[in-house]
């Protein structure tokens, strides 16, 4: 449980100020005079995140269908190493 909490805390701290949070802050400040704008901003970010993740999952599923499972495994491993650098 200690490892889970430590890793969750680390990721939460690393995500402070990411693009989504900054966009929400800017939009909320810009449209604060419009009634219901906060709800619309949160809903818009939520829906765009869902569409983005759906598109990524669909594209990944399509791409894996074009290659062997072994090649897919090596490509995923290489991408993790590239991100780590």
Protein backbone atom coordinates (compact mmCIF):
# COMPACT_ATOMS: atom_id res chain seq x y z
CA UNK A 1 0.00 0.00 0.00
CA UNK A 2 2.90 2.33 0.74
CA UNK A 3 4.30 1.89 -2.79
CA UNK A 4 0.88 2.63 -4.31
CA UNK A 5 0.48 5.82 -2.31
CA UNK A 6 4.02 6.96 -3.05
CA UNK A 7 3.68 6.40 -6.80
CA UNK A 8 0.21 8.00 -6.90
CA UNK A 9 1.51 11.05 -5.05
CA UNK A 10 4.53 11.31 -7.37
CA UNK A 11 2.39 11.18 -10.50
CA UNK A 12 -0.11 13.68 -9.05
CA UNK A 13 2.69 16.14 -8.30
CA UNK A 14 4.20 15.65 -11.77
CA UNK A 15 0.85 16.38 -13.44
CA UNK A 16 0.33 19.74 -11.73
CA UNK A 17 0.27 22.38 -14.42
CA UNK A 18 -0.20 20.07 -17.38
CA UNK A 19 -1.81 21.43 -20.53
CA UNK A 20 -5.34 20.39 -19.59
CA UNK A 21 -5.22 22.13 -16.23
CA UNK A 22 -3.74 25.27 -17.75
CA UNK A 23 -6.37 25.29 -20.50
CA UNK A 24 -9.17 24.91 -17.95
CA UNK A 25 -7.73 27.77 -15.89
CA UNK A 26 -7.43 30.07 -18.90
CA UNK A 27 -10.93 29.28 -20.19
CA UNK A 28 -12.48 29.67 -16.74
CA UNK A 29 -10.80 33.06 -16.32
CA UNK A 30 -11.78 34.24 -19.79
CA UNK A 31 -15.43 33.19 -19.62
CA UNK A 32 -16.10 33.64 -15.90
CA UNK A 33 -18.75 36.28 -16.61
CA UNK A 34 -20.98 33.78 -18.47
CA UNK A 35 -23.40 31.80 -16.30
CA UNK A 36 -22.74 28.07 -16.47
CA UNK A 37 -19.38 28.49 -18.19
CA UNK A 38 -17.51 26.45 -15.58
CA UNK A 39 -19.75 23.45 -16.16
CA UNK A 40 -19.43 23.82 -19.93
CA UNK A 41 -15.64 24.02 -19.70
CA UNK A 42 -15.38 20.93 -17.50
CA UNK A 43 -17.81 19.01 -19.70
CA UNK A 44 -15.95 20.05 -22.85
CA UNK A 45 -12.59 18.95 -21.47
CA UNK A 46 -14.12 15.66 -20.28
CA UNK A 47 -15.71 14.91 -23.66
CA UNK A 48 -12.60 15.86 -25.61
CA UNK A 49 -10.53 13.58 -23.37
CA UNK A 50 -12.94 10.71 -24.04
CA UNK A 51 -12.76 11.29 -27.80
CA UNK A 52 -8.96 11.51 -27.66
CA UNK A 53 -8.63 8.25 -25.72
CA UNK A 54 -11.16 6.48 -27.94
CA UNK A 55 -9.27 7.57 -31.06
CA UNK A 56 -5.94 6.46 -29.58
CA UNK A 57 -7.35 3.06 -28.60
CA UNK A 58 -8.94 2.56 -32.02
CA UNK A 59 -5.77 3.57 -33.86
CA UNK A 60 -3.62 1.34 -31.62
CA UNK A 61 -5.94 -1.61 -32.16
CA UNK A 62 -5.85 -1.04 -35.91
CA UNK A 63 -2.04 -0.71 -35.97
CA UNK A 64 -1.50 -3.89 -33.93
CA UNK A 65 -3.67 -5.77 -36.42
CA UNK A 66 -1.14 -4.93 -39.14
CA UNK A 67 1.82 -6.57 -37.39
CA UNK A 68 2.75 -9.67 -35.49
CA UNK A 69 2.35 -9.72 -31.70
CA UNK A 70 6.11 -10.09 -31.32
CA UNK A 71 6.82 -6.98 -33.41
CA UNK A 72 4.16 -5.06 -31.46
CA UNK A 73 5.81 -6.10 -28.18
CA UNK A 74 9.22 -4.86 -29.37
CA UNK A 75 7.77 -1.57 -30.62
CA UNK A 76 6.02 -0.95 -27.31
CA UNK A 77 9.24 -1.72 -25.41
CA UNK A 78 11.23 0.61 -27.68
CA UNK A 79 8.70 3.40 -27.19
CA UNK A 80 8.96 3.05 -23.40
CA UNK A 81 12.75 3.26 -23.61
CA UNK A 82 12.51 6.31 -25.88
CA UNK A 83 10.18 8.08 -23.45
CA UNK A 84 12.51 7.27 -20.56
CA UNK A 85 15.35 9.07 -22.32
